[in-house]
């Protein structure tokens, strides 16, 4: 499973995904078309956003790869304009990184 993660990963979801065997690429800085393409969005299975300031990357990711599963893992609210394109929105206060990683990887 190939996972891209954009935004600060303060809760260490990326580490939990790697521990379960996911191939992880971290997008540094703002998630833009260029950074998503450079990170491999065209072949990614999952895009995880941890910062809702990057929400505008969701339609871009879906345009580049309609099959990518978009997951937000943030305490901030998901903006209305991307709700229909987001597969799963999770609050870290409700589900731990281990539980989320297991669900995403299918462990």
N, C-alpha and C. Protein backbone atom coordinates (compact mmCIF):
# COMPACT_ATOMS: atom_id res chain seq x y z
N UNK A 1 0.84 -1.18 0.00
CA UNK A 1 0.00 0.00 0.00
C UNK A 1 0.89 1.24 0.00
N UNK A 2 0.56 2.17 -0.86
CA UNK A 2 1.31 3.42 -0.96
C UNK A 2 0.47 4.55 -0.38
N UNK A 3 1.06 5.26 0.58
CA UNK A 3 0.37 6.33 1.28
C UNK A 3 1.18 7.61 1.18
N UNK A 4 0.50 8.70 0.85
CA UNK A 4 1.10 10.03 0.91
C UNK A 4 0.48 10.73 2.11
N UNK A 5 1.31 11.45 2.86
CA UNK A 5 0.79 12.21 3.99
C UNK A 5 1.24 13.65 3.86
N UNK A 6 0.28 14.56 3.95
CA UNK A 6 0.56 15.99 3.83
C UNK A 6 0.14 16.69 5.12
N UNK A 7 0.99 17.58 5.57
CA UNK A 7 0.72 18.32 6.80
C UNK A 7 1.55 17.77 7.94
N UNK A 8 1.60 18.54 8.99
CA UNK A 8 2.34 18.13 10.17
C UNK A 8 1.71 16.86 10.74
N UNK A 9 2.54 15.92 11.06
CA UNK A 9 2.06 14.63 11.57
C UNK A 9 2.37 14.51 13.05
N UNK A 10 1.82 15.44 13.82
CA UNK A 10 2.09 15.50 15.26
C UNK A 10 1.66 14.24 15.99
N UNK A 11 0.62 13.57 15.48
CA UNK A 11 0.13 12.37 16.14
C UNK A 11 0.85 11.10 15.69
N UNK A 12 1.73 11.24 14.70
CA UNK A 12 2.60 10.16 14.20
C UNK A 12 1.83 9.04 13.50
N UNK A 13 0.81 9.42 12.76
CA UNK A 13 0.08 8.43 11.96
C UNK A 13 1.00 7.80 10.93
N UNK A 14 1.86 8.59 10.35
CA UNK A 14 2.80 8.06 9.36
C UNK A 14 3.66 6.95 9.91
N UNK A 15 4.15 7.11 11.13
CA UNK A 15 4.97 6.07 11.76
C UNK A 15 4.16 4.80 11.97
N UNK A 16 2.91 4.95 12.38
CA UNK A 16 2.05 3.77 12.59
C UNK A 16 1.78 3.06 11.27
N UNK A 17 1.63 3.81 10.19
CA UNK A 17 1.42 3.20 8.87
C UNK A 17 2.66 2.44 8.42
N UNK A 18 3.82 3.04 8.60
CA UNK A 18 5.08 2.38 8.23
C UNK A 18 5.27 1.11 9.05
N UNK A 19 4.95 1.15 10.33
CA UNK A 19 5.07 -0.02 11.19
C UNK A 19 4.22 -1.19 10.68
N UNK A 20 3.15 -0.88 9.95
CA UNK A 20 2.28 -1.92 9.41
C UNK A 20 2.61 -2.26 7.96
N UNK A 21 3.71 -1.71 7.45
CA UNK A 21 4.19 -2.09 6.13
C UNK A 21 3.82 -1.17 4.99
N UNK A 22 3.21 -0.05 5.28
CA UNK A 22 2.85 0.89 4.21
C UNK A 22 4.10 1.57 3.67
N UNK A 23 4.09 1.84 2.38
CA UNK A 23 5.14 2.62 1.73
C UNK A 23 4.69 4.07 1.83
N UNK A 24 5.40 4.87 2.63
CA UNK A 24 4.95 6.22 2.98
C UNK A 24 5.85 7.28 2.36
N UNK A 25 5.21 8.30 1.79
CA UNK A 25 5.91 9.48 1.31
C UNK A 25 5.31 10.69 2.00
N UNK A 26 6.15 11.49 2.59
CA UNK A 26 5.69 12.71 3.27
C UNK A 26 5.84 13.89 2.32
N UNK A 27 4.79 14.67 2.21
CA UNK A 27 4.81 15.88 1.38
C UNK A 27 5.19 17.03 2.29
N UNK A 28 6.32 17.63 2.02
CA UNK A 28 6.80 18.75 2.84
C UNK A 28 6.19 20.05 2.32
N UNK A 29 5.85 20.93 3.22
CA UNK A 29 5.27 22.21 2.83
C UNK A 29 3.82 22.05 2.40
N UNK A 30 3.35 23.01 1.67
CA UNK A 30 1.96 23.03 1.21
C UNK A 30 1.74 21.95 0.16
N UNK A 31 0.60 21.27 0.25
CA UNK A 31 0.25 20.26 -0.75
C UNK A 31 -0.30 20.98 -1.98
N UNK A 32 0.45 20.93 -3.06
CA UNK A 32 0.08 21.55 -4.32
C UNK A 32 0.06 20.47 -5.40
N UNK A 33 -0.42 20.82 -6.58
CA UNK A 33 -0.39 19.85 -7.69
C UNK A 33 1.03 19.35 -7.91
N UNK A 34 1.98 20.28 -7.90
CA UNK A 34 3.37 19.90 -8.15
C UNK A 34 3.90 18.96 -7.08
N UNK A 35 3.63 19.26 -5.82
CA UNK A 35 4.16 18.40 -4.75
C UNK A 35 3.44 17.05 -4.73
N UNK A 36 2.15 17.04 -5.04
CA UNK A 36 1.43 15.76 -5.11
C UNK A 36 1.95 14.89 -6.24
N UNK A 37 2.16 15.48 -7.41
CA UNK A 37 2.68 14.72 -8.56
C UNK A 37 4.08 14.22 -8.25
N UNK A 38 4.92 15.07 -7.68
CA UNK A 38 6.29 14.66 -7.34
C UNK A 38 6.30 13.53 -6.32
N UNK A 39 5.31 13.51 -5.43
CA UNK A 39 5.24 12.47 -4.40
C UNK A 39 4.64 11.17 -4.92
N UNK A 40 4.04 11.21 -6.12
CA UNK A 40 3.50 9.98 -6.69
C UNK A 40 2.00 9.80 -6.53
N UNK A 41 1.24 10.89 -6.55
CA UNK A 41 -0.21 10.79 -6.37
C UNK A 41 -0.86 9.88 -7.42
N UNK A 42 -0.27 9.81 -8.60
CA UNK A 42 -0.89 9.03 -9.68
C UNK A 42 -0.97 7.54 -9.37
N UNK A 43 -0.11 7.05 -8.47
CA UNK A 43 -0.13 5.63 -8.12
C UNK A 43 -0.43 5.38 -6.64
N UNK A 44 -0.69 6.45 -5.89
CA UNK A 44 -0.94 6.31 -4.44
C UNK A 44 -2.29 5.64 -4.18
N UNK A 45 -2.33 4.86 -3.13
CA UNK A 45 -3.58 4.25 -2.68
C UNK A 45 -4.36 5.18 -1.76
N UNK A 46 -3.61 5.92 -0.93
CA UNK A 46 -4.24 6.78 0.09
C UNK A 46 -3.49 8.10 0.17
N UNK A 47 -4.25 9.18 0.30
CA UNK A 47 -3.69 10.49 0.63
C UNK A 47 -4.26 10.87 1.98
N UNK A 48 -3.39 11.14 2.95
CA UNK A 48 -3.81 11.57 4.28
C UNK A 48 -3.45 13.04 4.44
N UNK A 49 -4.43 13.84 4.80
CA UNK A 49 -4.20 15.25 5.10
C UNK A 49 -4.38 15.46 6.60
N UNK A 50 -3.40 16.12 7.22
CA UNK A 50 -3.50 16.39 8.64
C UNK A 50 -3.73 17.86 8.93
N UNK A 51 -3.72 18.68 7.89
CA UNK A 51 -3.90 20.11 8.03
C UNK A 51 -4.97 20.56 7.05
N UNK A 52 -6.06 21.10 7.55
CA UNK A 52 -7.15 21.48 6.68
C UNK A 52 -6.83 22.70 5.82
N UNK A 53 -5.69 23.36 6.09
CA UNK A 53 -5.22 24.42 5.19
C UNK A 53 -4.84 23.83 3.83
N UNK A 54 -4.60 22.51 3.78
CA UNK A 54 -4.26 21.81 2.54
C UNK A 54 -5.49 21.21 1.85
N UNK A 55 -6.68 21.53 2.31
CA UNK A 55 -7.89 20.89 1.78
C UNK A 55 -8.07 21.11 0.28
N UNK A 56 -7.56 22.20 -0.24
CA UNK A 56 -7.69 22.44 -1.67
C UNK A 56 -6.92 21.41 -2.49
N UNK A 57 -6.07 20.64 -1.86
CA UNK A 57 -5.33 19.57 -2.55
C UNK A 57 -6.22 18.36 -2.83
N UNK A 58 -7.34 18.26 -2.16
CA UNK A 58 -8.21 17.08 -2.33
C UNK A 58 -8.75 16.97 -3.76
N UNK A 59 -9.38 18.03 -4.32
CA UNK A 59 -9.85 17.89 -5.70
C UNK A 59 -8.71 17.69 -6.69
N UNK A 60 -7.57 18.26 -6.40
CA UNK A 60 -6.40 18.07 -7.27
C UNK A 60 -5.97 16.61 -7.24
N UNK A 61 -5.91 16.04 -6.06
CA UNK A 61 -5.52 14.63 -5.92
C UNK A 61 -6.50 13.72 -6.65
N UNK A 62 -7.79 13.99 -6.51
CA UNK A 62 -8.81 13.17 -7.17
C UNK A 62 -8.75 13.33 -8.70
N UNK A 63 -8.38 14.51 -9.16
CA UNK A 63 -8.23 14.73 -10.59
C UNK A 63 -7.04 13.93 -11.13
N UNK A 64 -5.95 13.93 -10.38
CA UNK A 64 -4.74 13.20 -10.80
C UNK A 64 -4.91 11.69 -10.67
N UNK A 65 -5.67 11.26 -9.66
CA UNK A 65 -5.87 9.84 -9.41
C UNK A 65 -7.27 9.64 -8.83
N UNK A 66 -8.26 9.39 -9.68
CA UNK A 66 -9.64 9.24 -9.21
C UNK A 66 -9.83 8.09 -8.21
N UNK A 67 -8.89 7.16 -8.17
CA UNK A 67 -9.02 6.01 -7.27
C UNK A 67 -8.35 6.21 -5.92
N UNK A 68 -7.66 7.32 -5.73
CA UNK A 68 -6.98 7.54 -4.45
C UNK A 68 -8.03 7.73 -3.35
N UNK A 69 -7.77 7.11 -2.23
CA UNK A 69 -8.65 7.25 -1.06
C UNK A 69 -8.14 8.43 -0.25
N UNK A 70 -8.98 9.43 -0.04
CA UNK A 70 -8.58 10.63 0.69
C UNK A 70 -9.10 10.55 2.12
N UNK A 71 -8.17 10.67 3.06
CA UNK A 71 -8.48 10.60 4.48
C UNK A 71 -7.94 11.86 5.15
N UNK A 72 -8.78 12.49 5.95
CA UNK A 72 -8.29 13.60 6.77
C UNK A 72 -8.17 13.10 8.20
N UNK A 73 -7.07 13.47 8.83
CA UNK A 73 -6.81 13.09 10.23
C UNK A 73 -6.44 14.38 10.94
N UNK A 74 -7.47 15.09 11.41
CA UNK A 74 -7.27 16.44 11.93
C UNK A 74 -8.33 16.78 12.95
N UNK A 75 -7.96 17.64 13.86
CA UNK A 75 -8.90 18.14 14.85
C UNK A 75 -9.74 19.29 14.28
N UNK A 76 -9.31 19.84 13.15
CA UNK A 76 -10.02 20.94 12.50
C UNK A 76 -11.15 20.40 11.64
N UNK A 77 -12.13 21.22 11.39
CA UNK A 77 -13.28 20.83 10.57
C UNK A 77 -12.89 20.75 9.10
N UNK A 78 -13.47 19.79 8.43
CA UNK A 78 -13.29 19.62 7.00
C UNK A 78 -14.11 20.68 6.28
N UNK A 79 -13.50 21.46 5.39
CA UNK A 79 -14.27 22.48 4.68
C UNK A 79 -15.38 21.87 3.83
N UNK A 80 -16.48 22.54 3.76
CA UNK A 80 -17.66 22.08 3.02
C UNK A 80 -17.34 21.74 1.57
N UNK A 81 -16.48 22.54 0.92
CA UNK A 81 -16.26 22.37 -0.51
C UNK A 81 -15.55 21.07 -0.88
N UNK A 82 -14.99 20.35 0.09
CA UNK A 82 -14.32 19.08 -0.22
C UNK A 82 -14.97 17.87 0.45
N UNK A 83 -16.04 18.07 1.13
CA UNK A 83 -16.69 16.95 1.84
C UNK A 83 -17.10 15.83 0.91
N UNK A 84 -17.57 16.15 -0.26
CA UNK A 84 -18.02 15.13 -1.21
C UNK A 84 -16.89 14.34 -1.85
N UNK A 85 -15.66 14.86 -1.77
CA UNK A 85 -14.51 14.18 -2.36
C UNK A 85 -13.63 13.49 -1.33
N UNK A 86 -13.98 13.62 -0.07
CA UNK A 86 -13.20 13.03 1.01
C UNK A 86 -13.84 11.70 1.41
N UNK A 87 -13.02 10.66 1.45
CA UNK A 87 -13.54 9.34 1.76
C UNK A 87 -13.76 9.11 3.25
N UNK A 88 -12.90 9.71 4.07
CA UNK A 88 -12.98 9.48 5.51
C UNK A 88 -12.38 10.68 6.24
N UNK A 89 -13.11 11.22 7.20
CA UNK A 89 -12.64 12.33 8.03
C UNK A 89 -12.60 11.85 9.48
N UNK A 90 -11.42 11.91 10.07
CA UNK A 90 -11.22 11.35 11.41
C UNK A 90 -10.62 12.40 12.34
N UNK A 91 -11.15 12.48 13.53
CA UNK A 91 -10.62 13.35 14.57
C UNK A 91 -9.65 12.52 15.41
N UNK A 92 -8.39 12.94 15.53
CA UNK A 92 -7.41 12.19 16.33
C UNK A 92 -7.81 11.99 17.79
N UNK A 93 -8.68 12.85 18.30
CA UNK A 93 -9.14 12.69 19.68
C UNK A 93 -10.12 11.53 19.82
N UNK A 94 -10.66 11.06 18.69
CA UNK A 94 -11.64 9.98 18.73
C UNK A 94 -11.06 8.62 18.37
N UNK A 95 -10.07 8.59 17.48
CA UNK A 95 -9.45 7.32 17.09
C UNK A 95 -7.94 7.46 17.10
N UNK A 96 -7.28 6.52 17.72
CA UNK A 96 -5.82 6.55 17.82
C UNK A 96 -5.16 6.28 16.48
N UNK A 97 -3.91 6.66 16.37
CA UNK A 97 -3.16 6.42 15.14
C UNK A 97 -3.07 4.93 14.83
N UNK A 98 -2.94 4.12 15.84
CA UNK A 98 -2.82 2.67 15.63
C UNK A 98 -4.09 2.10 15.01
N UNK A 99 -5.24 2.51 15.51
CA UNK A 99 -6.52 2.03 14.98
C UNK A 99 -6.71 2.50 13.54
N UNK A 100 -6.41 3.77 13.28
CA UNK A 100 -6.57 4.32 11.94
C UNK A 100 -5.62 3.62 10.97
N UNK A 101 -4.37 3.44 11.38
CA UNK A 101 -3.38 2.77 10.52
C UNK A 101 -3.84 1.34 10.19
N UNK A 102 -4.33 0.62 11.18
CA UNK A 102 -4.81 -0.75 10.94
C UNK A 102 -5.96 -0.76 9.94
N UNK A 103 -6.87 0.18 10.06
CA UNK A 103 -8.00 0.25 9.14
C UNK A 103 -7.55 0.60 7.73
N UNK A 104 -6.61 1.53 7.61
CA UNK A 104 -6.15 1.94 6.28
C UNK A 104 -5.35 0.85 5.58
N UNK A 105 -4.53 0.16 6.34
CA UNK A 105 -3.68 -0.89 5.75
C UNK A 105 -4.44 -2.19 5.63
N UNK A 106 -5.49 -2.35 6.40
CA UNK A 106 -6.27 -3.59 6.35
C UNK A 106 -5.67 -4.68 7.19
N UNK A 107 -4.92 -4.29 8.23
CA UNK A 107 -4.26 -5.28 9.10
C UNK A 107 -5.24 -5.86 10.10
